[in-house]
Amino acid sequence: MSSWKNTDAAASAPLWAVAAIRKEPTSANRTDLFGDTTADNFITGVTMGLFNFKDTETQSGKIAHAGWNLKTTGSGGRASRIQFETLVALTNSADA
């Protein structure tokens, strides 16, 4: 059984993704990380969020692959630095 789904919802996100923010893999932490755009919410100096990008959203060249991606945006001395880490690559993310 898969630990994630291809629908764009917090409950569909991989539970283990919260390890990237050094939190316990709980549903509450996963929900907090899903789509988060709040600065310093998890780690001081960065904004981190978990997003399920669909194929059409990867055309910008900024996102490596469709699927579940962890987006990290720096602040302060790292302002404007944006990193996307693909956690789950999806071939069909039409529901994202």
PDB file of N, CA and C in Angstrom:
ATOM      1  N   MET A   1       0.839  -1.177   0.000  1.00  0.00           N
ATOM      2  CA  MET A   1       0.000   0.000   0.000  1.00  0.00           C
ATOM      3  C   MET A   1       0.887   1.244   0.000  1.00  0.00           C
ATOM      4  N   SER A   2       0.563   2.192  -0.811  1.00  0.00           N
ATOM      5  CA  SER A   2       1.334   3.416  -0.950  1.00  0.00           C
ATOM      6  C   SER A   2       1.159   4.320   0.268  1.00  0.00           C
ATOM      7  N   SER A   3       2.196   5.093   0.556  1.00  0.00           N
ATOM      8  CA  SER A   3       2.123   6.026   1.683  1.00  0.00           C
ATOM      9  C   SER A   3       1.623   7.399   1.248  1.00  0.00           C
ATOM     10  N   TRP A   4       1.180   7.527   0.002  1.00  0.00           N
ATOM     11  CA  TRP A   4       0.696   8.791  -0.532  1.00  0.00           C
ATOM     12  C   TRP A   4      -0.316   8.518  -1.632  1.00  0.00           C
ATOM     13  N   LYS A   5      -1.020   9.573  -2.035  1.00  0.00           N
ATOM     14  CA  LYS A   5      -1.965   9.497  -3.159  1.00  0.00           C
ATOM     15  C   LYS A   5      -1.669  10.652  -4.103  1.00  0.00           C
ATOM     16  N   ASN A   6      -2.252  10.621  -5.304  1.00  0.00           N
ATOM     17  CA  ASN A   6      -1.966  11.692  -6.253  1.00  0.00           C
ATOM     18  C   ASN A   6      -2.964  12.844  -6.190  1.00  0.00           C
ATOM     19  N   THR A   7      -3.864  12.837  -5.236  1.00  0.00           N
ATOM     20  CA  THR A   7      -4.798  13.953  -5.091  1.00  0.00           C
ATOM     21  C   THR A   7      -4.150  15.075  -4.283  1.00  0.00           C
ATOM     22  N   ASP A   8      -4.549  16.293  -4.556  1.00  0.00           N
ATOM     23  CA  ASP A   8      -3.957  17.468  -3.925  1.00  0.00           C
ATOM     24  C   ASP A   8      -4.679  17.775  -2.621  1.00  0.00           C
ATOM     25  N   ALA A   9      -4.331  17.028  -1.584  1.00  0.00           N
ATOM     26  CA  ALA A   9      -4.941  17.192  -0.267  1.00  0.00           C
ATOM     27  C   ALA A   9      -3.932  16.779   0.794  1.00  0.00           C
ATOM     28  N   ALA A  10      -4.013  17.390   1.953  1.00  0.00           N
ATOM     29  CA  ALA A  10      -3.070  17.084   3.026  1.00  0.00           C
ATOM     30  C   ALA A  10      -3.073  15.601   3.382  1.00  0.00           C
ATOM     31  N   ALA A  11      -4.239  14.987   3.422  1.00  0.00           N
ATOM     32  CA  ALA A  11      -4.340  13.568   3.771  1.00  0.00           C
ATOM     33  C   ALA A  11      -3.706  12.663   2.716  1.00  0.00           C
ATOM     34  N   SER A  12      -3.472  13.187   1.512  1.00  0.00           N
ATOM     35  CA  SER A  12      -2.858  12.403   0.440  1.00  0.00           C
ATOM     36  C   SER A  12      -1.342  12.540   0.411  1.00  0.00           C
ATOM     37  N   ALA A  13      -0.810  13.493   1.144  1.00  0.00           N
ATOM     38  CA  ALA A  13       0.631  13.744   1.156  1.00  0.00           C
ATOM     39  C   ALA A  13       1.367  12.627   1.894  1.00  0.00           C
ATOM     40  N   PRO A  14       2.623  12.377   1.519  1.00  0.00           N
ATOM     41  CA  PRO A  14       3.391  11.342   2.218  1.00  0.00           C
ATOM     42  C   PRO A  14       3.654  11.761   3.668  1.00  0.00           C
ATOM     43  N   LEU A  15       3.283  10.915   4.587  1.00  0.00           N
ATOM     44  CA  LEU A  15       3.434  11.203   6.012  1.00  0.00           C
ATOM     45  C   LEU A  15       4.897  11.399   6.387  1.00  0.00           C
ATOM     46  N   TRP A  16       5.783  10.660   5.750  1.00  0.00           N
ATOM     47  CA  TRP A  16       7.207  10.721   6.074  1.00  0.00           C
ATOM     48  C   TRP A  16       7.872  12.016   5.611  1.00  0.00           C
ATOM     49  N   ALA A  17       7.177  12.853   4.852  1.00  0.00           N
ATOM     50  CA  ALA A  17       7.753  14.112   4.363  1.00  0.00           C
ATOM     51  C   ALA A  17       8.127  15.054   5.502  1.00  0.00           C
ATOM     52  N   VAL A  18       7.471  14.939   6.633  1.00  0.00           N
ATOM     53  CA  VAL A  18       7.759  15.837   7.753  1.00  0.00           C
ATOM     54  C   VAL A  18       9.137  15.590   8.356  1.00  0.00           C
ATOM     55  N   ALA A  19       9.793  14.508   7.988  1.00  0.00           N
ATOM     56  CA  ALA A  19      11.160  14.270   8.458  1.00  0.00           C
ATOM     57  C   ALA A  19      12.089  15.388   7.986  1.00  0.00           C
ATOM     58  N   ALA A  20      11.772  16.012   6.860  1.00  0.00           N
ATOM     59  CA  ALA A  20      12.588  17.102   6.322  1.00  0.00           C
ATOM     60  C   ALA A  20      12.561  18.336   7.215  1.00  0.00           C
ATOM     61  N   ILE A  21      11.535  18.464   8.025  1.00  0.00           N
ATOM     62  CA  ILE A  21      11.437  19.612   8.928  1.00  0.00           C
ATOM     63  C   ILE A  21      11.717  19.201  10.370  1.00  0.00           C
ATOM     64  N   ARG A  22      12.243  18.007  10.525  1.00  0.00           N
ATOM     65  CA  ARG A  22      12.647  17.477  11.836  1.00  0.00           C
ATOM     66  C   ARG A  22      11.496  17.413  12.841  1.00  0.00           C
ATOM     67  N   LYS A  23      10.363  16.967  12.336  1.00  0.00           N
ATOM     68  CA  LYS A  23       9.181  16.788  13.184  1.00  0.00           C
ATOM     69  C   LYS A  23       8.744  15.330  13.133  1.00  0.00           C
ATOM     70  N   GLU A  24       7.938  14.935  14.101  1.00  0.00           N
ATOM     71  CA  GLU A  24       7.405  13.573  14.121  1.00  0.00           C
ATOM     72  C   GLU A  24       6.434  13.374  12.964  1.00  0.00           C
ATOM     73  N   PRO A  25       6.421  12.171  12.385  1.00  0.00           N
ATOM     74  CA  PRO A  25       5.499  11.895  11.274  1.00  0.00           C
ATOM     75  C   PRO A  25       4.066  11.678  11.768  1.00  0.00           C
ATOM     76  N   THR A  26       3.403  12.788  12.070  1.00  0.00           N
ATOM     77  CA  THR A  26       2.011  12.724  12.515  1.00  0.00           C
ATOM     78  C   THR A  26       1.120  13.398  11.474  1.00  0.00           C
ATOM     79  N   SER A  27      -0.147  13.072  11.502  1.00  0.00           N
ATOM     80  CA  SER A  27      -1.097  13.697  10.578  1.00  0.00           C
ATOM     81  C   SER A  27      -1.156  15.206  10.781  1.00  0.00           C
ATOM     82  N   ALA A  28      -1.063  15.654  12.024  1.00  0.00           N
ATOM     83  CA  ALA A  28      -1.111  17.093  12.314  1.00  0.00           C
ATOM     84  C   ALA A  28       0.080  17.818  11.695  1.00  0.00           C
ATOM     85  N   ASN A  29       1.278  17.248  11.832  1.00  0.00           N
ATOM     86  CA  ASN A  29       2.463  17.872  11.243  1.00  0.00           C
ATOM     87  C   ASN A  29       2.396  17.856   9.720  1.00  0.00           C
ATOM     88  N   ARG A  30       1.893  16.771   9.154  1.00  0.00           N
ATOM     89  CA  ARG A  30       1.748  16.686   7.697  1.00  0.00           C
ATOM     90  C   ARG A  30       0.772  17.752   7.201  1.00  0.00           C
ATOM     91  N   THR A  31      -0.322  17.941   7.913  1.00  0.00           N
ATOM     92  CA  THR A  31      -1.306  18.952   7.539  1.00  0.00           C
ATOM     93  C   THR A  31      -0.708  20.353   7.643  1.00  0.00           C
ATOM     94  N   ASP A  32       0.098  20.602   8.675  1.00  0.00           N
ATOM     95  CA  ASP A  32       0.756  21.904   8.827  1.00  0.00           C
ATOM     96  C   ASP A  32       1.728  22.177   7.681  1.00  0.00           C
ATOM     97  N   LEU A  33       2.427  21.157   7.220  1.00  0.00           N
ATOM     98  CA  LEU A  33       3.412  21.312   6.149  1.00  0.00           C
ATOM     99  C   LEU A  33       2.756  21.466   4.780  1.00  0.00           C
ATOM    100  N   PHE A  34       1.598  20.844   4.589  1.00  0.00           N
ATOM    101  CA  PHE A  34       0.919  20.865   3.293  1.00  0.00           C
ATOM    102  C   PHE A  34       0.560  22.292   2.881  1.00  0.00           C
ATOM    103  N   GLY A  35       1.102  22.731   1.759  1.00  0.00           N
ATOM    104  CA  GLY A  35       0.785  24.041   1.211  1.00  0.00           C
ATOM    105  C   GLY A  35       1.211  25.220   2.068  1.00  0.00           C
ATOM    106  N   ASP A  36       2.101  24.999   3.023  1.00  0.00           N
ATOM    107  CA  ASP A  36       2.480  26.053   3.963  1.00  0.00           C
ATOM    108  C   ASP A  36       3.302  27.149   3.281  1.00  0.00           C
ATOM    109  N   THR A  37       2.964  28.385   3.544  1.00  0.00           N
ATOM    110  CA  THR A  37       3.700  29.535   3.022  1.00  0.00           C
ATOM    111  C   THR A  37       4.039  30.524   4.135  1.00  0.00           C
ATOM    112  N   THR A  38       4.048  30.053   5.375  1.00  0.00           N
ATOM    113  CA  THR A  38       4.323  30.901   6.528  1.00  0.00           C
ATOM    114  C   THR A  38       5.815  30.894   6.838  1.00  0.00           C
ATOM    115  N   ALA A  39       6.428  32.068   6.823  1.00  0.00           N
ATOM    116  CA  ALA A  39       7.857  32.178   7.115  1.00  0.00           C
ATOM    117  C   ALA A  39       8.154  31.740   8.543  1.00  0.00           C
ATOM    118  N   ASP A  40       9.269  31.053   8.715  1.00  0.00           N
ATOM    119  CA  ASP A  40       9.763  30.624  10.030  1.00  0.00           C
ATOM    120  C   ASP A  40       8.806  29.696  10.773  1.00  0.00           C
ATOM    121  N   ASN A  41       7.868  29.085  10.083  1.00  0.00           N
ATOM    122  CA  ASN A  41       6.886  28.224  10.734  1.00  0.00           C
ATOM    123  C   ASN A  41       7.527  26.967  11.321  1.00  0.00           C
ATOM    124  N   PHE A  42       8.532  26.436  10.644  1.00  0.00           N
ATOM    125  CA  PHE A  42       9.174  25.201  11.100  1.00  0.00           C
ATOM    126  C   PHE A  42      10.644  25.416  11.443  1.00  0.00           C
ATOM    127  N   ILE A  43      11.349  26.134  10.574  1.00  0.00           N
ATOM    128  CA  ILE A  43      12.777  26.383  10.754  1.00  0.00           C
ATOM    129  C   ILE A  43      13.014  27.878  10.552  1.00  0.00           C
ATOM    130  N   THR A  44      13.712  28.506  11.483  1.00  0.00           N
ATOM    131  CA  THR A  44      13.979  29.936  11.393  1.00  0.00           C
ATOM    132  C   THR A  44      14.787  30.259  10.142  1.00  0.00           C
ATOM    133  N   GLY A  45      14.347  31.268   9.423  1.00  0.00           N
ATOM    134  CA  GLY A  45      15.060  31.727   8.239  1.00  0.00           C
ATOM    135  C   GLY A  45      14.594  31.123   6.934  1.00  0.00           C
ATOM    136  N   VAL A  46      13.644  30.204   7.000  1.00  0.00           N
ATOM    137  CA  VAL A  46      13.136  29.593   5.766  1.00  0.00           C
ATOM    138  C   VAL A  46      11.621  29.407   5.834  1.00  0.00           C
ATOM    139  N   THR A  47      11.033  29.328   4.664  1.00  0.00           N
ATOM    140  CA  THR A  47       9.619  28.989   4.525  1.00  0.00           C
ATOM    141  C   THR A  47       9.572  27.647   3.824  1.00  0.00           C
ATOM    142  N   MET A  48       8.905  26.672   4.424  1.00  0.00           N
ATOM    143  CA  MET A  48       8.853  25.329   3.850  1.00  0.00           C
ATOM    144  C   MET A  48       7.405  24.899   3.681  1.00  0.00           C
ATOM    145  N   GLY A  49       7.125  24.280   2.534  1.00  0.00           N
ATOM    146  CA  GLY A  49       5.787  23.785   2.271  1.00  0.00           C
ATOM    147  C   GLY A  49       5.835  22.564   1.377  1.00  0.00           C
ATOM    148  N   LEU A  50       4.854  21.705   1.507  1.00  0.00           N
ATOM    149  CA  LEU A  50       4.746  20.487   0.709  1.00  0.00           C
ATOM    150  C   LEU A  50       3.622  20.675  -0.301  1.00  0.00           C
ATOM    151  N   PHE A  51       3.964  20.492  -1.582  1.00  0.00           N
ATOM    152  CA  PHE A  51       3.004  20.742  -2.654  1.00  0.00           C
ATOM    153  C   PHE A  51       2.963  19.568  -3.618  1.00  0.00           C
ATOM    154  N   ASN A  52       1.790  19.313  -4.180  1.00  0.00           N
ATOM    155  CA  ASN A  52       1.634  18.286  -5.213  1.00  0.00           C
ATOM    156  C   ASN A  52       1.468  19.016  -6.545  1.00  0.00           C
ATOM    157  N   PHE A  53       2.571  19.176  -7.260  1.00  0.00           N
ATOM    158  CA  PHE A  53       2.548  19.904  -8.527  1.00  0.00           C
ATOM    159  C   PHE A  53       2.128  18.981  -9.656  1.00  0.00           C
ATOM    160  N   LYS A  54       1.256  19.482 -10.516  1.00  0.00           N
ATOM    161  CA  LYS A  54       0.847  18.692 -11.674  1.00  0.00           C
ATOM    162  C   LYS A  54       1.766  18.997 -12.853  1.00  0.00           C
ATOM    163  N   ASP A  55       1.621  18.210 -13.911  1.00  0.00           N
ATOM    164  CA  ASP A  55       2.503  18.313 -15.072  1.00  0.00           C
ATOM    165  C   ASP A  55       2.593  19.730 -15.624  1.00  0.00           C
ATOM    166  N   THR A  56       1.495  20.419 -15.741  1.00  0.00           N
ATOM    167  CA  THR A  56       1.502  21.760 -16.329  1.00  0.00           C
ATOM    168  C   THR A  56       2.212  22.782 -15.454  1.00  0.00           C
ATOM    169  N   GLU A  57       2.389  22.484 -14.183  1.00  0.00           N
ATOM    170  CA  GLU A  57       3.075  23.410 -13.278  1.00  0.00           C
ATOM    171  C   GLU A  57       4.588  23.238 -13.306  1.00  0.00           C
ATOM    172  N   THR A  58       5.086  22.228 -13.987  1.00  0.00           N
ATOM    173  CA  THR A  58       6.530  21.989 -14.041  1.00  0.00           C
ATOM    174  C   THR A  58       7.166  22.596 -15.286  1.00  0.00           C
ATOM    175  N   GLN A  59       6.380  23.222 -16.138  1.00  0.00           N
ATOM    176  CA  GLN A  59       6.896  23.760 -17.396  1.00  0.00           C
ATOM    177  C   GLN A  59       7.814  24.960 -17.202  1.00  0.00           C
ATOM    178  N   SER A  60       7.794  25.581 -16.043  1.00  0.00           N
ATOM    179  CA  SER A  60       8.622  26.763 -15.795  1.00  0.00           C
ATOM    180  C   SER A  60      10.100  26.417 -15.713  1.00  0.00           C
ATOM    181  N   GLY A  61      10.412  25.146 -15.512  1.00  0.00           N
ATOM    182  CA  GLY A  61      11.799  24.733 -15.359  1.00  0.00           C
ATOM    183  C   GLY A  61      12.302  24.849 -13.932  1.00  0.00           C
ATOM    184  N   LYS A  62      11.497  25.391 -13.043  1.00  0.00           N
ATOM    185  CA  LYS A  62      11.899  25.541 -11.648  1.00  0.00           C
ATOM    186  C   LYS A  62      11.639  24.271 -10.848  1.00  0.00           C
ATOM    187  N   ILE A  63      10.636  23.521 -11.259  1.00  0.00           N
ATOM    188  CA  ILE A  63      10.260  22.292 -10.559  1.00  0.00           C
ATOM    189  C   ILE A  63      10.742  21.118 -11.399  1.00  0.00           C
ATOM    190  N   ALA A  64      11.499  20.219 -10.777  1.00  0.00           N
ATOM    191  CA  ALA A  64      12.122  19.129 -11.524  1.00  0.00           C
ATOM    192  C   ALA A  64      11.129  18.108 -12.053  1.00  0.00           C
ATOM    193  N   HIS A  65      10.105  17.796 -11.273  1.00  0.00           N
ATOM    194  CA  HIS A  65       9.209  16.711 -11.669  1.00  0.00           C
ATOM    195  C   HIS A  65       7.833  16.911 -11.056  1.00  0.00           C
ATOM    196  N   ALA A  66       6.820  16.474 -11.766  1.00  0.00           N
ATOM    197  CA  ALA A  66       5.464  16.490 -11.217  1.00  0.00           C
ATOM    198  C   ALA A  66       5.390  15.527 -10.038  1.00  0.00           C
ATOM    199  N   GLY A  67       4.584  15.873  -9.067  1.00  0.00           N
ATOM    200  CA  GLY A  67       4.406  15.022  -7.897  1.00  0.00           C
ATOM    201  C   GLY A  67       4.597  15.812  -6.613  1.00  0.00           C
ATOM    202  N   TRP A  68       4.846  15.098  -5.531  1.00  0.00           N
ATOM    203  CA  TRP A  68       5.003  15.719  -4.219  1.00  0.00           C
ATOM    204  C   TRP A  68       6.390  16.336  -4.105  1.00  0.00           C
ATOM    205  N   ASN A  69       6.427  17.652  -3.902  1.00  0.00           N
ATOM    206  CA  ASN A  69       7.672  18.404  -3.816  1.00  0.00           C
ATOM    207  C   ASN A  69       7.699  19.233  -2.546  1.00  0.00           C
ATOM    208  N   LEU A  70       8.880  19.281  -1.930  1.00  0.00           N
ATOM    209  CA  LEU A  70       9.100  20.133  -0.774  1.00  0.00           C
ATOM    210  C   LEU A  70       9.715  21.428  -1.292  1.00  0.00           C
ATOM    211  N   LYS A  71       9.043  22.542  -1.049  1.00  0.00           N
ATOM    212  CA  LYS A  71       9.526  23.850  -1.503  1.00  0.00           C
ATOM    213  C   LYS A  71      10.117  24.584  -0.311  1.00  0.00           C
ATOM    214  N   THR A  72      11.370  25.023  -0.453  1.00  0.00           N
ATOM    215  CA  THR A  72      12.061  25.761   0.591  1.00  0.00           C
ATOM    216  C   THR A  72      12.444  27.131   0.042  1.00  0.00           C
ATOM    217  N   THR A  73      12.030  28.178   0.725  1.00  0.00           N
ATOM    218  CA  THR A  73      12.334  29.548   0.318  1.00  0.00           C
ATOM    219  C   THR A  73      13.127  30.212   1.431  1.00  0.00           C
ATOM    220  N   GLY A  74      14.298  30.730   1.090  1.00  0.00           N
ATOM    221  CA  GLY A  74      15.150  31.368   2.081  1.00  0.00           C
ATOM    222  C   GLY A  74      14.720  32.789   2.389  1.00  0.00           C
ATOM    223  N   SER A  75      15.245  33.316   3.500  1.00  0.00           N
ATOM    224  CA  SER A  75      15.008  34.708   3.878  1.00  0.00           C
ATOM    225  C   SER A  75      16.303  35.263   4.456  1.00  0.00           C
ATOM    226  N   GLY A  76      16.328  36.550   4.714  1.00  0.00           N
ATOM    227  CA  GLY A  76      17.541  37.170   5.240  1.00  0.00           C
ATOM    228  C   GLY A  76      18.668  37.068   4.228  1.00  0.00           C
ATOM    229  N   GLY A  77      19.794  36.495   4.631  1.00  0.00           N
ATOM    230  CA  GLY A  77      20.942  36.324   3.741  1.00  0.00           C
ATOM    231  C   GLY A  77      20.688  35.340   2.618  1.00  0.00           C
ATOM    232  N   ARG A  78      19.632  34.548   2.748  1.00  0.00           N
ATOM    233  CA  ARG A  78      19.275  33.574   1.702  1.00  0.00           C
ATOM    234  C   ARG A  78      17.998  33.986   0.974  1.00  0.00           C
ATOM    235  N   ALA A  79      17.663  35.256   1.042  1.00  0.00           N
ATOM    236  CA  ALA A  79      16.435  35.742   0.412  1.00  0.00           C
ATOM    237  C   ALA A  79      16.431  35.442  -1.079  1.00  0.00           C
ATOM    238  N   SER A  80      15.283  35.095  -1.575  1.00  0.00           N
ATOM    239  CA  SER A  80      15.047  34.793  -2.995  1.00  0.00           C
ATOM    240  C   SER A  80      15.628  33.459  -3.447  1.00  0.00           C
ATOM    241  N   ARG A  81      16.219  32.696  -2.569  1.00  0.00           N
ATOM    242  CA  ARG A  81      16.704  31.362  -2.939  1.00  0.00           C
ATOM    243  C   ARG A  81      15.567  30.366  -2.736  1.00  0.00           C
ATOM    244  N   ILE A  82      15.143  29.761  -3.817  1.00  0.00           N
ATOM    245  CA  ILE A  82      14.031  28.812  -3.772  1.00  0.00           C
ATOM    246  C   ILE A  82      14.526  27.463  -4.261  1.00  0.00           C
ATOM    247  N   GLN A  83      14.242  26.431  -3.487  1.00  0.00           N
ATOM    248  CA  GLN A  83      14.676  25.071  -3.819  1.00  0.00           C
ATOM    249  C   GLN A  83      13.460  24.155  -3.813  1.00  0.00           C
ATOM    250  N   PHE A  84      13.367  23.314  -4.828  1.00  0.00           N
ATOM    251  CA  PHE A  84      12.317  22.303  -4.902  1.00  0.00           C
ATOM    252  C   PHE A  84      12.973  20.934  -4.802  1.00  0.00           C
ATOM    253  N   GLU A  85      12.500  20.108  -3.885  1.00  0.00           N
ATOM    254  CA  GLU A  85      13.003  18.740  -3.740  1.00  0.00           C
ATOM    255  C   GLU A  85      11.851  17.783  -4.028  1.00  0.00           C
ATOM    256  N   THR A  86      12.006  16.974  -5.071  1.00  0.00           N
ATOM    257  CA  THR A  86      10.964  16.014  -5.421  1.00  0.00           C
ATOM    258  C   THR A  86      11.027  14.839  -4.460  1.00  0.00           C
ATOM    259  N   LEU A  87       9.954  14.623  -3.714  1.00  0.00           N
ATOM    260  CA  LEU A  87       9.878  13.512  -2.769  1.00  0.00           C
ATOM    261  C   LEU A  87       9.201  12.304  -3.392  1.00  0.00           C
ATOM    262  N   VAL A  88       8.172  12.539  -4.212  1.00  0.00           N
ATOM    263  CA  VAL A  88       7.459  11.473  -4.917  1.00  0.00           C
ATOM    264  C   VAL A  88       7.210  11.961  -6.337  1.00  0.00           C
ATOM    265  N   ALA A  89       7.823  11.312  -7.313  1.00  0.00           N
ATOM    266  CA  ALA A  89       7.596  11.657  -8.716  1.00  0.00           C
ATOM    267  C   ALA A  89       6.350  10.922  -9.205  1.00  0.00           C
ATOM    268  N   LEU A  90       5.451  11.660  -9.824  1.00  0.00           N
ATOM    269  CA  LEU A  90       4.213  11.077 -10.329  1.00  0.00           C
ATOM    270  C   LEU A  90       4.158  11.199 -11.845  1.00  0.00           C
ATOM    271  N   THR A  91       3.711  10.153 -12.502  1.00  0.00           N
ATOM    272  CA  THR A  91       3.529  10.228 -13.947  1.00  0.00           C
ATOM    273  C   THR A  91       2.156  10.756 -14.291  1.00  0.00           C
ATOM    274  N   ASN A  92       1.220  10.647 -13.364  1.00  0.00           N
ATOM    275  CA  ASN A  92      -0.132  11.145 -13.591  1.00  0.00           C
ATOM    276  C   ASN A  92      -0.572  11.920 -12.360  1.00  0.00           C
ATOM    277  N   SER A  93      -0.395  13.211 -12.421  1.00  0.00           N
ATOM    278  CA  SER A  93      -0.823  14.041 -11.294  1.00  0.00           C
ATOM    279  C   SER A  93      -1.927  14.985 -11.735  1.00  0.00           C
ATOM    280  N   ALA A  94      -2.781  14.507 -12.594  1.00  0.00           N
ATOM    281  CA  ALA A  94      -3.867  15.330 -13.127  1.00  0.00           C
ATOM    282  C   ALA A  94      -4.793  15.838 -12.032  1.00  0.00           C
ATOM    283  N   ASP A  95      -4.863  15.123 -10.923  1.00  0.00           N
ATOM    284  CA  ASP A  95      -5.724  15.543  -9.825  1.00  0.00           C
ATOM    285  C   ASP A  95      -5.072  16.583  -8.933  1.00  0.00           C
ATOM    286  N   ALA A  96      -3.789  16.834  -9.135  1.00  0.00           N
ATOM    287  CA  ALA A  96      -3.058  17.751  -8.253  1.00  0.00           C
ATOM    288  C   ALA A  96      -3.573  19.162  -8.360  1.00  0.00           C
TER     289      ALA A  96
END
